[in-house]
Amino acid sequence: MQESALARAEAASAGHGALTTASARQIAQAAHAIHNWGSHTHVHIYVQAPPPQQKKPASSHAGAGA
C-alpha cells in the first residue's frame, strides 16, 4: 500500500517519467517474486513444459499426413 502511494506521488510529480519508474519498479518486484517463486515452483515449470512439446509432434504428424 505504501509503495502504491509513493508511486502515485511520483506519477503526479514526474508525470511521464513516473511511468518508466513505475515500470522499472514493477519489473524489479516481479523479477524478485519470480526468483523466489521459481525456486519453489521449479517442478511446476517442468511439469508445464512437456504439454507444449507433445503438441508439436501432433502438428508435425498432421502436416506429414496431409
N, C-alpha and C. Protein backbone atom coordinates (compact mmCIF):
# COMPACT_ATOMS: atom_id res chain seq x y z
N MET A 1 0.84 -1.19 0.00
CA MET A 1 0.00 0.00 0.00
C MET A 1 0.88 1.25 0.00
N GLN A 2 1.93 1.23 0.79
CA GLN A 2 2.82 2.39 0.87
C GLN A 2 3.49 2.63 -0.48
N GLU A 3 3.87 1.55 -1.14
CA GLU A 3 4.55 1.71 -2.44
C GLU A 3 3.58 2.29 -3.47
N SER A 4 2.31 1.91 -3.38
CA SER A 4 1.32 2.43 -4.32
C SER A 4 1.19 3.93 -4.14
N ALA A 5 1.13 4.38 -2.89
CA ALA A 5 1.01 5.81 -2.60
C ALA A 5 2.25 6.54 -3.11
N LEU A 6 3.40 5.92 -2.91
CA LEU A 6 4.65 6.54 -3.36
C LEU A 6 4.66 6.63 -4.88
N ALA A 7 4.24 5.56 -5.53
CA ALA A 7 4.21 5.55 -6.99
C ALA A 7 3.25 6.62 -7.49
N ARG A 8 2.13 6.80 -6.78
CA ARG A 8 1.14 7.81 -7.19
C ARG A 8 1.73 9.20 -7.05
N ALA A 9 2.43 9.41 -5.94
CA ALA A 9 3.05 10.72 -5.71
C ALA A 9 4.09 10.99 -6.80
N GLU A 10 4.84 9.96 -7.14
CA GLU A 10 5.86 10.11 -8.19
C GLU A 10 5.19 10.40 -9.53
N ALA A 11 4.09 9.73 -9.78
CA ALA A 11 3.37 9.91 -11.04
C ALA A 11 2.86 11.34 -11.15
N ALA A 12 2.31 11.86 -10.06
CA ALA A 12 1.77 13.22 -10.07
C ALA A 12 2.90 14.23 -10.21
N SER A 13 4.04 13.90 -9.65
CA SER A 13 5.18 14.83 -9.66
C SER A 13 5.94 14.76 -10.99
N ALA A 14 6.26 13.55 -11.41
CA ALA A 14 7.07 13.39 -12.62
C ALA A 14 6.21 13.35 -13.87
N GLY A 15 5.03 12.77 -13.77
CA GLY A 15 4.16 12.71 -14.94
C GLY A 15 4.60 11.61 -15.88
N HIS A 16 5.37 11.96 -16.89
CA HIS A 16 5.80 10.97 -17.88
C HIS A 16 6.87 10.06 -17.31
N GLY A 17 7.84 10.64 -16.63
CA GLY A 17 8.94 9.86 -16.07
C GLY A 17 8.44 8.83 -15.07
N ALA A 18 7.29 9.09 -14.45
CA ALA A 18 6.77 8.17 -13.45
C ALA A 18 6.44 6.82 -14.09
N LEU A 19 5.96 6.86 -15.31
CA LEU A 19 5.61 5.62 -15.99
C LEU A 19 6.83 4.71 -16.08
N THR A 20 7.94 5.27 -16.46
CA THR A 20 9.16 4.48 -16.57
C THR A 20 9.60 3.99 -15.20
N THR A 21 9.50 4.88 -14.20
CA THR A 21 9.92 4.50 -12.85
C THR A 21 9.01 3.39 -12.32
N ALA A 22 7.70 3.54 -12.53
CA ALA A 22 6.75 2.54 -12.05
C ALA A 22 7.02 1.21 -12.75
N SER A 23 7.25 1.27 -14.05
CA SER A 23 7.51 0.05 -14.82
C SER A 23 8.77 -0.64 -14.30
N ALA A 24 9.82 0.15 -14.12
CA ALA A 24 11.08 -0.41 -13.64
C ALA A 24 10.89 -1.02 -12.26
N ARG A 25 10.09 -0.36 -11.44
CA ARG A 25 9.87 -0.87 -10.08
C ARG A 25 9.06 -2.15 -10.14
N GLN A 26 8.04 -2.17 -10.98
CA GLN A 26 7.20 -3.37 -11.10
C GLN A 26 8.02 -4.53 -11.64
N ILE A 27 8.88 -4.24 -12.61
CA ILE A 27 9.72 -5.29 -13.19
C ILE A 27 10.67 -5.85 -12.14
N ALA A 28 11.24 -4.94 -11.34
CA ALA A 28 12.17 -5.37 -10.29
C ALA A 28 11.44 -6.24 -9.28
N GLN A 29 10.22 -5.81 -8.91
CA GLN A 29 9.44 -6.58 -7.94
C GLN A 29 9.04 -7.93 -8.54
N ALA A 30 8.63 -7.91 -9.80
CA ALA A 30 8.23 -9.14 -10.46
C ALA A 30 9.41 -10.10 -10.56
N ALA A 31 10.58 -9.55 -10.90
CA ALA A 31 11.77 -10.39 -11.01
C ALA A 31 12.10 -11.02 -9.67
N HIS A 32 11.95 -10.24 -8.61
CA HIS A 32 12.25 -10.76 -7.27
C HIS A 32 11.24 -11.83 -6.90
N ALA A 33 9.97 -11.58 -7.23
CA ALA A 33 8.92 -12.54 -6.91
C ALA A 33 9.13 -13.83 -7.70
N ILE A 34 9.47 -13.68 -8.98
CA ILE A 34 9.69 -14.86 -9.82
C ILE A 34 10.91 -15.63 -9.32
N HIS A 35 11.93 -14.90 -8.89
CA HIS A 35 13.14 -15.56 -8.39
C HIS A 35 12.79 -16.42 -7.18
N ASN A 36 11.98 -15.86 -6.26
CA ASN A 36 11.59 -16.59 -5.06
C ASN A 36 10.62 -17.72 -5.43
N TRP A 37 9.65 -17.40 -6.31
CA TRP A 37 8.62 -18.37 -6.68
C TRP A 37 9.22 -19.45 -7.59
N GLY A 38 10.14 -19.06 -8.45
CA GLY A 38 10.75 -20.02 -9.36
C GLY A 38 11.49 -21.12 -8.62
N SER A 39 12.20 -20.75 -7.56
CA SER A 39 12.96 -21.74 -6.80
C SER A 39 12.01 -22.73 -6.13
N HIS A 40 10.84 -22.23 -5.74
CA HIS A 40 9.88 -23.09 -5.05
C HIS A 40 9.05 -23.90 -6.04
N THR A 41 8.80 -23.31 -7.21
CA THR A 41 7.94 -23.98 -8.19
C THR A 41 8.74 -24.47 -9.39
N HIS A 42 9.95 -24.92 -9.14
CA HIS A 42 10.79 -25.40 -10.25
C HIS A 42 10.16 -26.62 -10.89
N VAL A 43 9.53 -27.46 -10.05
CA VAL A 43 8.90 -28.69 -10.57
C VAL A 43 7.68 -28.34 -11.41
N HIS A 44 6.93 -27.32 -10.97
CA HIS A 44 5.72 -26.93 -11.70
C HIS A 44 6.07 -26.49 -13.12
N ILE A 45 7.15 -25.73 -13.25
CA ILE A 45 7.57 -25.26 -14.57
C ILE A 45 7.93 -26.46 -15.45
N TYR A 46 8.56 -27.46 -14.84
CA TYR A 46 8.97 -28.64 -15.59
C TYR A 46 7.75 -29.43 -16.04
N VAL A 47 6.72 -29.46 -15.17
CA VAL A 47 5.51 -30.21 -15.50
C VAL A 47 4.73 -29.50 -16.61
N GLN A 48 4.84 -28.17 -16.65
CA GLN A 48 4.12 -27.41 -17.67
C GLN A 48 4.87 -27.41 -18.99
N ALA A 49 6.12 -27.82 -18.98
CA ALA A 49 6.91 -27.81 -20.21
C ALA A 49 6.52 -28.94 -21.17
N PRO A 50 6.33 -30.16 -20.70
CA PRO A 50 6.01 -31.29 -21.59
C PRO A 50 4.79 -31.07 -22.49
N PRO A 51 3.66 -30.57 -22.00
CA PRO A 51 2.47 -30.43 -22.85
C PRO A 51 2.75 -29.73 -24.18
N PRO A 52 3.37 -28.55 -24.19
CA PRO A 52 3.66 -27.87 -25.46
C PRO A 52 4.49 -28.74 -26.41
N GLN A 53 5.42 -29.50 -25.86
CA GLN A 53 6.27 -30.35 -26.70
C GLN A 53 5.46 -31.49 -27.29
N GLN A 54 4.44 -31.95 -26.57
CA GLN A 54 3.62 -33.05 -27.08
C GLN A 54 2.70 -32.56 -28.20
N LYS A 55 2.37 -31.27 -28.16
CA LYS A 55 1.50 -30.70 -29.19
C LYS A 55 2.26 -30.55 -30.51
N LYS A 56 3.56 -30.28 -30.42
CA LYS A 56 4.38 -30.09 -31.63
C LYS A 56 4.38 -31.36 -32.49
N PRO A 57 4.70 -32.52 -31.90
CA PRO A 57 4.71 -33.76 -32.68
C PRO A 57 3.37 -34.00 -33.37
N ALA A 58 2.28 -33.69 -32.68
CA ALA A 58 0.95 -33.90 -33.26
C ALA A 58 0.80 -33.05 -34.52
N SER A 59 1.25 -31.82 -34.45
CA SER A 59 1.15 -30.92 -35.60
C SER A 59 2.02 -31.45 -36.74
N SER A 60 3.22 -31.94 -36.40
CA SER A 60 4.14 -32.46 -37.41
C SER A 60 3.51 -33.68 -38.08
N HIS A 61 2.88 -34.53 -37.28
CA HIS A 61 2.27 -35.74 -37.82
C HIS A 61 1.12 -35.36 -38.76
N ALA A 62 0.32 -34.39 -38.33
CA ALA A 62 -0.82 -33.96 -39.15
C ALA A 62 -0.31 -33.39 -40.47
N GLY A 63 0.76 -32.60 -40.39
CA GLY A 63 1.32 -32.00 -41.60
C GLY A 63 1.86 -33.07 -42.53
N ALA A 64 2.51 -34.08 -41.98
CA ALA A 64 3.09 -35.14 -42.80
C ALA A 64 1.96 -35.96 -43.43
N GLY A 65 0.90 -36.20 -42.66
CA GLY A 65 -0.22 -37.00 -43.17
C GLY A 65 -0.94 -36.26 -44.29
N ALA A 66 -1.09 -34.95 -44.12
CA ALA A 66 -1.81 -34.17 -45.14
C ALA A 66 -0.92 -34.04 -46.37
